[in-house]
PDB file of N, CA and C in Angstrom:
ATOM      1  N   MET A   1      49.990  13.594   9.692  1.00  0.00           N
ATOM      2  CA  MET A   1      49.352  12.785   8.600  1.00  0.00           C
ATOM      3  C   MET A   1      48.182  11.577   9.171  1.00  0.00           C
ATOM      4  N   THR A   2      48.753  10.835  10.111  1.00  0.00           N
ATOM      5  CA  THR A   2      47.744   9.777  10.759  1.00  0.00           C
ATOM      6  C   THR A   2      46.386  10.547  11.180  1.00  0.00           C
ATOM      7  N   GLN A   3      46.789  11.594  11.845  1.00  0.00           N
ATOM      8  CA  GLN A   3      45.649  12.089  12.508  1.00  0.00           C
ATOM      9  C   GLN A   3      44.422  12.792  11.331  1.00  0.00           C
ATOM     10  N   SER A   4      44.897  13.206  10.401  1.00  0.00           N
ATOM     11  CA  SER A   4      44.059  13.605   9.407  1.00  0.00           C
ATOM     12  C   SER A   4      43.411  12.447   8.650  1.00  0.00           C
ATOM     13  N   ILE A   5      43.951  11.227   8.577  1.00  0.00           N
ATOM     14  CA  ILE A   5      43.309   9.983   8.079  1.00  0.00           C
ATOM     15  C   ILE A   5      42.085   9.650   8.847  1.00  0.00           C
ATOM     16  N   GLN A   6      42.519   9.814  10.389  1.00  0.00           N
ATOM     17  CA  GLN A   6      41.443   9.308  11.277  1.00  0.00           C
ATOM     18  C   GLN A   6      40.434  10.507  11.138  1.00  0.00           C
ATOM     19  N   GLU A   7      40.495  11.509  11.078  1.00  0.00           N
ATOM     20  CA  GLU A   7      39.435  12.518  10.809  1.00  0.00           C
ATOM     21  C   GLU A   7      38.810  12.400   9.800  1.00  0.00           C
ATOM     22  N   GLN A   8      39.418  11.942   8.642  1.00  0.00           N
ATOM     23  CA  GLN A   8      38.560  11.474   7.143  1.00  0.00           C
ATOM     24  C   GLN A   8      37.581  10.309   7.905  1.00  0.00           C
ATOM     25  N   ILE A   9      38.248   9.359   8.376  1.00  0.00           N
ATOM     26  CA  ILE A   9      37.552   8.295   8.759  1.00  0.00           C
ATOM     27  C   ILE A   9      36.119   8.482   9.456  1.00  0.00           C
ATOM     28  N   ASN A  10      36.299   9.221  10.574  1.00  0.00           N
ATOM     29  CA  ASN A  10      35.357   9.473  11.368  1.00  0.00           C
ATOM     30  C   ASN A  10      34.420  10.448  10.650  1.00  0.00           C
ATOM     31  N   ALA A  11      34.873  11.443   9.709  1.00  0.00           N
ATOM     32  CA  ALA A  11      33.796  12.260   9.246  1.00  0.00           C
ATOM     33  C   ALA A  11      33.104  11.439   8.223  1.00  0.00           C
ATOM     34  N   ASP A  12      33.635  10.307   7.589  1.00  0.00           N
ATOM     35  CA  ASP A  12      32.889   9.309   6.714  1.00  0.00           C
ATOM     36  C   ASP A  12      31.760   8.675   7.531  1.00  0.00           C
ATOM     37  N   ALA A  13      32.216   8.338   8.636  1.00  0.00           N
ATOM     38  CA  ALA A  13      31.327   7.386   9.531  1.00  0.00           C
ATOM     39  C   ALA A  13      30.311   8.438   9.961  1.00  0.00           C
ATOM     40  N   GLN A  14      30.404   9.409  10.502  1.00  0.00           N
ATOM     41  CA  GLN A  14      29.448  10.293  10.583  1.00  0.00           C
ATOM     42  C   GLN A  14      28.352  10.564   9.551  1.00  0.00           C
ATOM     43  N   ARG A  15      28.914  10.723   8.340  1.00  0.00           N
ATOM     44  CA  ARG A  15      28.200  11.091   7.061  1.00  0.00           C
ATOM     45  C   ARG A  15      27.306   9.745   6.797  1.00  0.00           C
ATOM     46  N   LYS A  16      27.714   8.647   6.922  1.00  0.00           N
ATOM     47  CA  LYS A  16      26.948   7.485   6.785  1.00  0.00           C
ATOM     48  C   LYS A  16      25.666   7.191   7.658  1.00  0.00           C
ATOM     49  N   VAL A  17      25.976   7.828   8.989  1.00  0.00           N
ATOM     50  CA  VAL A  17      25.014   7.596   9.928  1.00  0.00           C
ATOM     51  C   VAL A  17      23.971   8.661   9.475  1.00  0.00           C
ATOM     52  N   ASN A  18      24.448   9.827   9.372  1.00  0.00           N
ATOM     53  CA  ASN A  18      23.221  10.912   8.935  1.00  0.00           C
ATOM     54  C   ASN A  18      22.595  10.372   7.582  1.00  0.00           C
ATOM     55  N   THR A  19      23.126   9.919   6.743  1.00  0.00           N
ATOM     56  CA  THR A  19      22.366   9.308   5.510  1.00  0.00           C
ATOM     57  C   THR A  19      21.361   8.273   5.939  1.00  0.00           C
ATOM     58  N   ASN A  20      21.877   7.327   6.849  1.00  0.00           N
ATOM     59  CA  ASN A  20      20.909   6.355   7.080  1.00  0.00           C
ATOM     60  C   ASN A  20      19.721   6.711   8.045  1.00  0.00           C
ATOM     61  N   ALA A  21      20.094   7.804   8.786  1.00  0.00           N
ATOM     62  CA  ALA A  21      18.970   8.191   9.551  1.00  0.00           C
ATOM     63  C   ALA A  21      17.722   9.114   8.534  1.00  0.00           C
ATOM     64  N   ASP A  22      18.499   9.591   7.679  1.00  0.00           N
ATOM     65  CA  ASP A  22      17.479  10.395   6.840  1.00  0.00           C
ATOM     66  C   ASP A  22      16.708   9.404   6.009  1.00  0.00           C
ATOM     67  N   ARG A  23      17.281   8.189   5.776  1.00  0.00           N
ATOM     68  CA  ARG A  23      16.354   7.515   4.917  1.00  0.00           C
ATOM     69  C   ARG A  23      15.468   6.804   5.489  1.00  0.00           C
ATOM     70  N   SER A  24      15.913   6.322   6.804  1.00  0.00           N
ATOM     71  CA  SER A  24      14.666   5.553   7.681  1.00  0.00           C
ATOM     72  C   SER A  24      13.517   6.618   7.723  1.00  0.00           C
ATOM     73  N   GLU A  25      13.851   8.044   8.094  1.00  0.00           N
ATOM     74  CA  GLU A  25      12.995   8.792   8.263  1.00  0.00           C
ATOM     75  C   GLU A  25      11.775   8.974   7.118  1.00  0.00           C
ATOM     76  N   SER A  26      12.571   9.160   5.784  1.00  0.00           N
ATOM     77  CA  SER A  26      11.955   9.442   4.592  1.00  0.00           C
ATOM     78  C   SER A  26      11.206   7.963   4.423  1.00  0.00           C
ATOM     79  N   SER A  27      11.442   6.683   4.422  1.00  0.00           N
ATOM     80  CA  SER A  27      10.884   5.610   4.359  1.00  0.00           C
ATOM     81  C   SER A  27       9.521   5.603   5.280  1.00  0.00           C
ATOM     82  N   SER A  28       9.580   6.158   6.621  1.00  0.00           N
ATOM     83  CA  SER A  28       8.463   5.916   7.343  1.00  0.00           C
ATOM     84  C   SER A  28       7.304   6.982   6.861  1.00  0.00           C
ATOM     85  N   LEU A  29       7.875   8.022   6.326  1.00  0.00           N
ATOM     86  CA  LEU A  29       7.072   9.257   5.952  1.00  0.00           C
ATOM     87  C   LEU A  29       6.209   8.439   4.466  1.00  0.00           C
ATOM     88  N   ALA A  30       7.009   7.787   3.537  1.00  0.00           N
ATOM     89  CA  ALA A  30       6.477   7.106   2.342  1.00  0.00           C
ATOM     90  C   ALA A  30       5.484   6.201   2.924  1.00  0.00           C
ATOM     91  N   GLU A  31       5.651   5.481   3.919  1.00  0.00           N
ATOM     92  CA  GLU A  31       4.753   4.503   4.400  1.00  0.00           C
ATOM     93  C   GLU A  31       3.360   4.997   4.846  1.00  0.00           C
ATOM     94  N   GLY A  32       3.453   6.384   5.590  1.00  0.00           N
ATOM     95  CA  GLY A  32       2.546   6.948   6.034  1.00  0.00           C
ATOM     96  C   GLY A  32       1.585   7.154   4.738  1.00  0.00           C
ATOM     97  N   TRP A  33       2.487   7.841   3.871  1.00  0.00           N
ATOM     98  CA  TRP A  33       1.180   8.512   2.760  1.00  0.00           C
ATOM     99  C   TRP A  33       0.966   7.418   2.224  1.00  0.00           C
ATOM    100  N   GLN A  34       1.349   6.222   1.770  1.00  0.00           N
ATOM    101  CA  GLN A  34       0.791   4.940   1.271  1.00  0.00           C
ATOM    102  C   GLN A  34      -0.353   4.414   2.222  1.00  0.00           C
ATOM    103  N   TYR A  35      -0.373   4.437   3.502  1.00  0.00           N
ATOM    104  CA  TYR A  35      -1.458   4.047   4.348  1.00  0.00           C
ATOM    105  C   TYR A  35      -2.668   5.264   3.963  1.00  0.00           C
ATOM    106  N   TYR A  36      -2.328   6.688   3.946  1.00  0.00           N
ATOM    107  CA  TYR A  36      -3.256   7.725   3.822  1.00  0.00           C
ATOM    108  C   TYR A  36      -3.651   7.625   2.439  1.00  0.00           C
ATOM    109  N   ASN A  37      -2.997   7.166   1.149  1.00  0.00           N
ATOM    110  CA  ASN A  37      -3.741   6.883   0.075  1.00  0.00           C
ATOM    111  C   ASN A  37      -4.768   5.993  -0.237  1.00  0.00           C
ATOM    112  N   PHE A  38      -4.411   4.859   0.638  1.00  0.00           N
ATOM    113  CA  PHE A  38      -5.156   3.623   0.870  1.00  0.00           C
ATOM    114  C   PHE A  38      -6.559   3.746   1.358  1.00  0.00           C
ATOM    115  N   GLY A  39      -6.212   4.637   2.467  1.00  0.00           N
ATOM    116  CA  GLY A  39      -7.640   5.187   3.268  1.00  0.00           C
ATOM    117  C   GLY A  39      -8.710   6.008   2.268  1.00  0.00           C
ATOM    118  N   ILE A  40      -7.853   6.996   1.485  1.00  0.00           N
ATOM    119  CA  ILE A  40      -8.926   7.700   0.480  1.00  0.00           C
ATOM    120  C   ILE A  40      -9.395   6.758  -0.570  1.00  0.00           C
ATOM    121  N   LEU A  41      -8.539   5.914  -0.910  1.00  0.00           N
ATOM    122  CA  LEU A  41      -9.153   5.007  -1.966  1.00  0.00           C
ATOM    123  C   LEU A  41     -10.456   4.122  -1.481  1.00  0.00           C
ATOM    124  N   HIS A  42     -10.274   3.547  -0.256  1.00  0.00           N
ATOM    125  CA  HIS A  42     -11.513   2.899   0.392  1.00  0.00           C
ATOM    126  C   HIS A  42     -12.650   4.034   0.488  1.00  0.00           C
ATOM    127  N   LEU A  43     -12.357   5.110   1.026  1.00  0.00           N
ATOM    128  CA  LEU A  43     -13.588   6.304   1.095  1.00  0.00           C
ATOM    129  C   LEU A  43     -14.298   6.109  -0.094  1.00  0.00           C
ATOM    130  N   CYS A  44     -13.286   6.417  -1.147  1.00  0.00           N
ATOM    131  CA  CYS A  44     -13.993   6.849  -2.672  1.00  0.00           C
ATOM    132  C   CYS A  44     -14.797   5.579  -2.995  1.00  0.00           C
ATOM    133  N   LEU A  45     -14.171   4.500  -2.736  1.00  0.00           N
ATOM    134  CA  LEU A  45     -14.980   2.935  -3.219  1.00  0.00           C
ATOM    135  C   LEU A  45     -16.106   2.984  -2.232  1.00  0.00           C
ATOM    136  N   VAL A  46     -16.213   3.273  -1.152  1.00  0.00           N
ATOM    137  CA  VAL A  46     -17.465   3.161  -0.151  1.00  0.00           C
ATOM    138  C   VAL A  46     -18.424   4.149  -0.570  1.00  0.00           C
ATOM    139  N   MET A  47     -18.139   5.220  -0.967  1.00  0.00           N
ATOM    140  CA  MET A  47     -19.047   6.367  -1.581  1.00  0.00           C
ATOM    141  C   MET A  47     -19.779   5.900  -2.764  1.00  0.00           C
ATOM    142  N   VAL A  48     -18.808   5.272  -3.941  1.00  0.00           N
ATOM    143  CA  VAL A  48     -19.334   4.962  -5.081  1.00  0.00           C
ATOM    144  C   VAL A  48     -20.418   3.817  -4.939  1.00  0.00           C
ATOM    145  N   ILE A  49     -20.086   2.807  -3.891  1.00  0.00           N
ATOM    146  CA  ILE A  49     -20.979   1.901  -3.710  1.00  0.00           C
ATOM    147  C   ILE A  49     -22.446   2.355  -3.188  1.00  0.00           C
ATOM    148  N   PHE A  50     -22.203   2.953  -2.249  1.00  0.00           N
ATOM    149  CA  PHE A  50     -23.366   3.779  -1.322  1.00  0.00           C
ATOM    150  C   PHE A  50     -24.176   4.363  -2.412  1.00  0.00           C
ATOM    151  N   ALA A  51     -23.335   5.399  -3.051  1.00  0.00           N
ATOM    152  CA  ALA A  51     -24.176   6.263  -4.186  1.00  0.00           C
ATOM    153  C   ALA A  51     -25.025   5.447  -5.273  1.00  0.00           C
ATOM    154  N   GLY A  52     -24.544   4.427  -5.529  1.00  0.00           N
ATOM    155  CA  GLY A  52     -24.928   3.224  -6.616  1.00  0.00           C
ATOM    156  C   GLY A  52     -26.118   2.564  -5.894  1.00  0.00           C
ATOM    157  N   SER A  53     -25.913   1.961  -4.762  1.00  0.00           N
ATOM    158  CA  SER A  53     -27.307   1.396  -3.978  1.00  0.00           C
ATOM    159  C   SER A  53     -28.253   2.337  -3.741  1.00  0.00           C
ATOM    160  N   ALA A  54     -27.948   3.782  -3.478  1.00  0.00           N
ATOM    161  CA  ALA A  54     -28.897   4.548  -3.029  1.00  0.00           C
ATOM    162  C   ALA A  54     -29.727   4.872  -4.217  1.00  0.00           C
ATOM    163  N   ARG A  55     -29.039   5.030  -5.498  1.00  0.00           N
ATOM    164  CA  ARG A  55     -29.777   5.290  -6.722  1.00  0.00           C
ATOM    165  C   ARG A  55     -30.821   4.183  -7.069  1.00  0.00           C
ATOM    166  N   GLN A  56     -30.516   2.905  -6.885  1.00  0.00           N
ATOM    167  CA  GLN A  56     -30.893   1.667  -7.155  1.00  0.00           C
ATOM    168  C   GLN A  56     -32.554   1.691  -6.443  1.00  0.00           C
ATOM    169  N   GLU A  57     -31.887   1.933  -5.073  1.00  0.00           N
ATOM    170  CA  GLU A  57     -32.983   1.606  -3.916  1.00  0.00           C
ATOM    171  C   GLU A  57     -33.863   2.756  -3.425  1.00  0.00           C
ATOM    172  N   ASN A  58     -33.217   4.022  -3.944  1.00  0.00           N
ATOM    173  CA  ASN A  58     -33.931   4.999  -3.452  1.00  0.00           C
ATOM    174  C   ASN A  58     -34.229   5.526  -2.176  1.00  0.00           C
ATOM    175  N   PHE A  59     -33.273   5.092  -1.426  1.00  0.00           N
ATOM    176  CA  PHE A  59     -33.340   5.261   0.225  1.00  0.00           C
ATOM    177  C   PHE A  59     -32.752   6.425   0.678  1.00  0.00           C
ATOM    178  N   ILE A  60     -32.253   7.389  -0.452  1.00  0.00           N
ATOM    179  CA  ILE A  60     -32.085   8.641   0.147  1.00  0.00           C
ATOM    180  C   ILE A  60     -32.944   9.707  -0.243  1.00  0.00           C
ATOM    181  N   HIS A  61     -33.897  10.176   0.441  1.00  0.00           N
ATOM    182  CA  HIS A  61     -34.990  10.892   0.035  1.00  0.00           C
ATOM    183  C   HIS A  61     -34.387  12.598  -0.159  1.00  0.00           C
ATOM    184  N   LEU A  62     -33.926  13.223  -0.968  1.00  0.00           N
ATOM    185  CA  LEU A  62     -33.488  14.679  -0.948  1.00  0.00           C
ATOM    186  C   LEU A  62     -34.803  15.341  -1.184  1.00  0.00           C
TER     187      LEU A  62
END
């Protein structure tokens, strides 16, 4: 009886460790996507500003 209780406690502890590891991995992945989206947003912003200034001053000659 006491051995099965100990096994149950060990299994619960192992499950808790596994879920914590999964959670930290997914949060770092989410932070990576956040930086990736931030970079794309800046790239689009720079392109829009560059296109607007190029249209006004005509320094792109196609």
